[in-house]
Amino acid sequence: MSINQEPIKGKAFVLGKNIDTDQIIPAAHLVYSLEDPEERKLYGKYALSGVPIAESGLPHGNIPLTKEGETDSEFKIIVASDNFGCGSSREHAPASLEIAGIEAIISSSYARIFYRNSVDGGFLIPFESYEDLSTEIHTGDELEIDQVNHQLKNVTQDKVYKIKPLGSVADIVHAGGIFEYARQNGMVPAK
């Protein structure tokens, strides 16, 4: 298997540093079933609803990830500062972002458990930047991630940034998670 050749394109949603899993999906919303299709949508509705407005976490203008009453976001790529996904080990955090429509995150650093949950569950791709891009990119900028050449292009600002290579991480996410990847590659028996 090889890395997906298609670029990831979409609007940026920019966050500050130390965005924790309670901010990504508040504990009050962990009551919904990920297996029930209607309840699953609520994770998208409440994704990033725990980021206090008073903090620098939300983008300028206090733009919510999803509009009032909706479960899908117009944004596709989160750009964050250091230590994204710190806090508890809940896999609901990357799941809620994926359910909201996020396809990738670009951060200068991640909490290890969030990074692993994102990859192992096949939820979304956690790209790492060489620098903090949350001060360069603005919410609403159109972005394009070139997974093959390890580049992020800000189409709106006509700027290009190098991002770190993913190795087999992208293959695992595109396969649908670590267990599906292992099945597809003969590491464990097929179902």
Foldseek 3Di string as FASTA:
>chain_A
DDFDQFKDKAFEWEFEEDCALCQQANPVLPPFDCPDVVSVLVLQVRGRVNDDPVDRGGAPVNDDQPPPPGSAGRGAEYQYEYAPHDDDLDLSRLSSCLSNRHAEYEYQYYDVSNQQSCQQQLRHHYWYFVHRCSVVDHGGFMWIARLVQQWIARPRVRDIGHIDHDPCSNVSSVLRHDVSSCCVVVNDPDD
